[in-house]
Every structure is written in structure tokens, then in C-alpha cells.
Amino acid sequence: MANHAPVGSNMGPVETSIRDKLTTLLQPLQLTITNESHLHRHHAAMRAQGGGNGETHFNVSIISAVFEGKSTIERHRMIYAALSDELAQGLHAISLRTKTPEEVDPASAAGPLMTS
């Protein structure tokens, strides 16, 4: 499973919370979180907050079987609901890429290849 932080990473409290909540909720096969806040510090809203807490913008990529049978909107709503506290406390933007294992590797959904 690739849902652990890289060794030696300096995750802040918001990123840690995002990782913990999404891991618990989605039991992902893969979870990649990228803090892109430094790219947005010059925006007016971030300058007004003094640059925020350094954890305002994230890119999140998740592969989880929990998404099976759910639309993209339903998947995103699940995540927004799980992160409602973070969003209320300064998380400004989160870019989501949500996939099922089958969407990433359609061959795995077909099961073992049978030959005669």
C-alpha cells in the first residue's frame, strides 16, 4: 500500500489530518497528497491571511475500492464531508483525483486470464 508519508517528510497538521481521515474512511490502495500551498501564497486571499498556515492548497490522488458504484461527484462529496473541519479552518482548495482499482487497471477487474 502506498498510503504512507514519504520517509523524512515534514507533514504539517493539516496534511496529517487529511491523510489520517482519508485512510480511515477509504482504506485506499494508494493515497498521494501533495501540498501545493507554496504556489498560492501570492494570491490576494492568501496574502490577507498572511500566507495562511502554509497548508491551504492540496492535490490528492486516491485509489480505493470504496469508490466502486459511485459517481465522481459522490466520491468528492464523501471527501469534502470527511474534511469539513479542515475546510472550515483554512483549507482553501483541494484538487481531487478519485479512482477505483478497476479504473486504474481494467485488466485486474477481469480476473485471471483463462487460456485453453
C-alpha atoms as a PDB file:
ATOM      1  CA  MET A   1       0.000   0.000   0.000  1.00  0.00           C
ATOM      2  CA  ALA A   2       1.298   3.451  -0.901  1.00  0.00           C
ATOM      3  CA  ASN A   3      -0.668   5.475   1.594  1.00  0.00           C
ATOM      4  CA  HIS A   4       2.130   6.395   3.960  1.00  0.00           C
ATOM      5  CA  ALA A   5       4.008   9.661   4.012  1.00  0.00           C
ATOM      6  CA  PRO A   6       7.430   9.638   2.418  1.00  0.00           C
ATOM      7  CA  VAL A   7      10.273   8.944   4.833  1.00  0.00           C
ATOM      8  CA  GLY A   8      11.673  12.199   6.166  1.00  0.00           C
ATOM      9  CA  SER A   9       8.657  14.237   5.089  1.00  0.00           C
ATOM     10  CA  ASN A  10       7.657  17.273   7.096  1.00  0.00           C
ATOM     11  CA  MET A  11       3.906  16.937   7.083  1.00  0.00           C
ATOM     12  CA  GLY A  12       2.053  19.694   8.846  1.00  0.00           C
ATOM     13  CA  PRO A  13      -1.033  19.171  10.979  1.00  0.00           C
ATOM     14  CA  VAL A  14      -3.491  19.748   8.099  1.00  0.00           C
ATOM     15  CA  GLU A  15      -1.793  17.253   5.797  1.00  0.00           C
ATOM     16  CA  THR A  16      -1.551  14.740   8.641  1.00  0.00           C
ATOM     17  CA  SER A  17      -5.245  15.149   9.363  1.00  0.00           C
ATOM     18  CA  ILE A  18      -6.153  14.756   5.671  1.00  0.00           C
ATOM     19  CA  ARG A  19      -4.044  11.587   5.440  1.00  0.00           C
ATOM     20  CA  ASP A  20      -5.476  10.091   8.638  1.00  0.00           C
ATOM     21  CA  LYS A  21      -9.114  10.830   7.807  1.00  0.00           C
ATOM     22  CA  LEU A  22      -8.951   9.643   4.197  1.00  0.00           C
ATOM     23  CA  THR A  23      -7.059   6.483   5.152  1.00  0.00           C
ATOM     24  CA  THR A  24      -9.685   5.628   7.762  1.00  0.00           C
ATOM     25  CA  LEU A  25     -12.639   6.450   5.510  1.00  0.00           C
ATOM     26  CA  LEU A  26     -11.421   4.977   2.227  1.00  0.00           C
ATOM     27  CA  GLN A  27      -8.839   2.283   3.073  1.00  0.00           C
ATOM     28  CA  PRO A  28      -7.018   3.315  -0.114  1.00  0.00           C
ATOM     29  CA  LEU A  29      -4.764   1.105  -2.187  1.00  0.00           C
ATOM     30  CA  GLN A  30      -2.899   4.319  -2.955  1.00  0.00           C
ATOM     31  CA  LEU A  31      -3.073   7.780  -1.415  1.00  0.00           C
ATOM     32  CA  THR A  32      -0.857  10.587  -2.656  1.00  0.00           C
ATOM     33  CA  ILE A  33      -1.103  14.022  -1.061  1.00  0.00           C
ATOM     34  CA  THR A  34       0.865  16.971  -2.403  1.00  0.00           C
ATOM     35  CA  ASN A  35       0.959  20.265  -0.526  1.00  0.00           C
ATOM     36  CA  GLU A  36       0.840  22.962  -3.215  1.00  0.00           C
ATOM     37  CA  SER A  37       0.272  25.854  -0.835  1.00  0.00           C
ATOM     38  CA  HIS A  38       3.587  27.499  -1.689  1.00  0.00           C
ATOM     39  CA  LEU A  39       2.307  28.007  -5.255  1.00  0.00           C
ATOM     40  CA  HIS A  40      -0.609  30.134  -3.998  1.00  0.00           C
ATOM     41  CA  ARG A  41       0.871  32.404  -1.305  1.00  0.00           C
ATOM     42  CA  HIS A  42       0.827  35.374  -3.657  1.00  0.00           C
ATOM     43  CA  HIS A  43      -2.966  35.176  -4.172  1.00  0.00           C
ATOM     44  CA  ALA A  44      -4.921  38.007  -2.548  1.00  0.00           C
ATOM     45  CA  ALA A  45      -6.893  35.705  -0.255  1.00  0.00           C
ATOM     46  CA  MET A  46      -3.701  34.051   0.995  1.00  0.00           C
ATOM     47  CA  ARG A  47      -1.904  37.391   1.474  1.00  0.00           C
ATOM     48  CA  ALA A  48      -4.880  38.578   3.549  1.00  0.00           C
ATOM     49  CA  GLN A  49      -4.309  35.569   5.828  1.00  0.00           C
ATOM     50  CA  GLY A  50      -0.595  36.267   5.999  1.00  0.00           C
ATOM     51  CA  GLY A  51       0.031  33.335   3.669  1.00  0.00           C
ATOM     52  CA  GLY A  52      -2.305  31.106   5.628  1.00  0.00           C
ATOM     53  CA  ASN A  53      -0.782  28.456   7.857  1.00  0.00           C
ATOM     54  CA  GLY A  54       1.269  27.076   4.987  1.00  0.00           C
ATOM     55  CA  GLU A  55      -1.316  24.367   4.398  1.00  0.00           C
ATOM     56  CA  THR A  56      -4.056  25.826   2.255  1.00  0.00           C
ATOM     57  CA  HIS A  57      -3.886  24.049  -1.129  1.00  0.00           C
ATOM     58  CA  PHE A  58      -3.534  20.309  -1.722  1.00  0.00           C
ATOM     59  CA  ASN A  59      -3.622  17.888  -4.616  1.00  0.00           C
ATOM     60  CA  VAL A  60      -4.953  14.471  -3.574  1.00  0.00           C
ATOM     61  CA  SER A  61      -4.956  11.297  -5.648  1.00  0.00           C
ATOM     62  CA  ILE A  62      -6.790   8.279  -4.224  1.00  0.00           C
ATOM     63  CA  ILE A  63      -7.353   4.745  -5.479  1.00  0.00           C
ATOM     64  CA  SER A  64      -9.979   2.979  -3.395  1.00  0.00           C
ATOM     65  CA  ALA A  65     -12.488   0.166  -3.852  1.00  0.00           C
ATOM     66  CA  VAL A  66     -14.894   2.222  -1.696  1.00  0.00           C
ATOM     67  CA  PHE A  67     -15.483   4.383  -4.793  1.00  0.00           C
ATOM     68  CA  GLU A  68     -16.976   1.483  -6.772  1.00  0.00           C
ATOM     69  CA  GLY A  69     -20.501   2.302  -7.957  1.00  0.00           C
ATOM     70  CA  LYS A  70     -20.162   5.985  -7.012  1.00  0.00           C
ATOM     71  CA  SER A  71     -20.062   8.933  -9.400  1.00  0.00           C
ATOM     72  CA  THR A  72     -17.212  11.429  -9.300  1.00  0.00           C
ATOM     73  CA  ILE A  73     -19.499  13.906  -7.525  1.00  0.00           C
ATOM     74  CA  GLU A  74     -20.425  11.327  -4.869  1.00  0.00           C
ATOM     75  CA  ARG A  75     -16.755  10.489  -4.330  1.00  0.00           C
ATOM     76  CA  HIS A  76     -15.832  14.144  -3.930  1.00  0.00           C
ATOM     77  CA  ARG A  77     -18.745  14.775  -1.553  1.00  0.00           C
ATOM     78  CA  MET A  78     -17.516  11.915   0.656  1.00  0.00           C
ATOM     79  CA  ILE A  79     -14.113  13.557   0.863  1.00  0.00           C
ATOM     80  CA  TYR A  80     -15.440  17.087   1.419  1.00  0.00           C
ATOM     81  CA  ALA A  81     -17.644  15.781   4.243  1.00  0.00           C
ATOM     82  CA  ALA A  82     -14.688  13.992   5.852  1.00  0.00           C
ATOM     83  CA  LEU A  83     -12.568  17.157   5.633  1.00  0.00           C
ATOM     84  CA  SER A  84     -15.264  19.637   6.687  1.00  0.00           C
ATOM     85  CA  ASP A  85     -13.329  20.721   9.796  1.00  0.00           C
ATOM     86  CA  GLU A  86     -10.171  21.384   7.777  1.00  0.00           C
ATOM     87  CA  LEU A  87     -12.131  23.321   5.154  1.00  0.00           C
ATOM     88  CA  ALA A  88     -13.756  25.428   7.878  1.00  0.00           C
ATOM     89  CA  GLN A  89     -10.364  26.153   9.476  1.00  0.00           C
ATOM     90  CA  GLY A  90      -8.386  27.423   6.486  1.00  0.00           C
ATOM     91  CA  LEU A  91      -8.006  24.638   3.950  1.00  0.00           C
ATOM     92  CA  HIS A  92      -8.736  26.749   0.894  1.00  0.00           C
ATOM     93  CA  ALA A  93      -8.586  24.329  -2.040  1.00  0.00           C
ATOM     94  CA  ILE A  94      -8.266  20.618  -2.644  1.00  0.00           C
ATOM     95  CA  SER A  95      -7.843  19.101  -6.087  1.00  0.00           C
ATOM     96  CA  LEU A  96      -9.109  15.512  -6.175  1.00  0.00           C
ATOM     97  CA  ARG A  97      -8.368  12.571  -8.435  1.00  0.00           C
ATOM     98  CA  THR A  98     -10.523   9.644  -7.310  1.00  0.00           C
ATOM     99  CA  LYS A  99     -10.349   6.235  -8.977  1.00  0.00           C
ATOM    100  CA  THR A 100     -11.321   2.637  -8.303  1.00  0.00           C
ATOM    101  CA  PRO A 101      -8.695  -0.074  -8.771  1.00  0.00           C
ATOM    102  CA  GLU A 102     -10.506  -1.172 -11.941  1.00  0.00           C
ATOM    103  CA  GLU A 103     -10.403   2.343 -13.394  1.00  0.00           C
ATOM    104  CA  VAL A 104      -6.652   2.384 -12.966  1.00  0.00           C
ATOM    105  CA  ASP A 105      -6.031  -1.168 -14.218  1.00  0.00           C
ATOM    106  CA  PRO A 106      -9.022  -2.564 -16.141  1.00  0.00           C
ATOM    107  CA  ALA A 107      -7.242  -5.909 -16.579  1.00  0.00           C
ATOM    108  CA  SER A 108      -7.369  -6.508 -12.832  1.00  0.00           C
ATOM    109  CA  ALA A 109     -11.174  -6.251 -12.897  1.00  0.00           C
ATOM    110  CA  ALA A 110     -11.428  -9.064 -15.434  1.00  0.00           C
ATOM    111  CA  GLY A 111      -9.848 -11.511 -13.023  1.00  0.00           C
ATOM    112  CA  PRO A 112      -7.293 -14.106 -14.035  1.00  0.00           C
ATOM    113  CA  LEU A 113      -6.738 -14.628 -17.727  1.00  0.00           C
ATOM    114  CA  MET A 114      -8.074 -18.025 -18.781  1.00  0.00           C
ATOM    115  CA  THR A 115      -6.455 -19.883 -21.641  1.00  0.00           C
ATOM    116  CA  SER A 116      -7.349 -23.253 -23.049  1.00  0.00           C
END
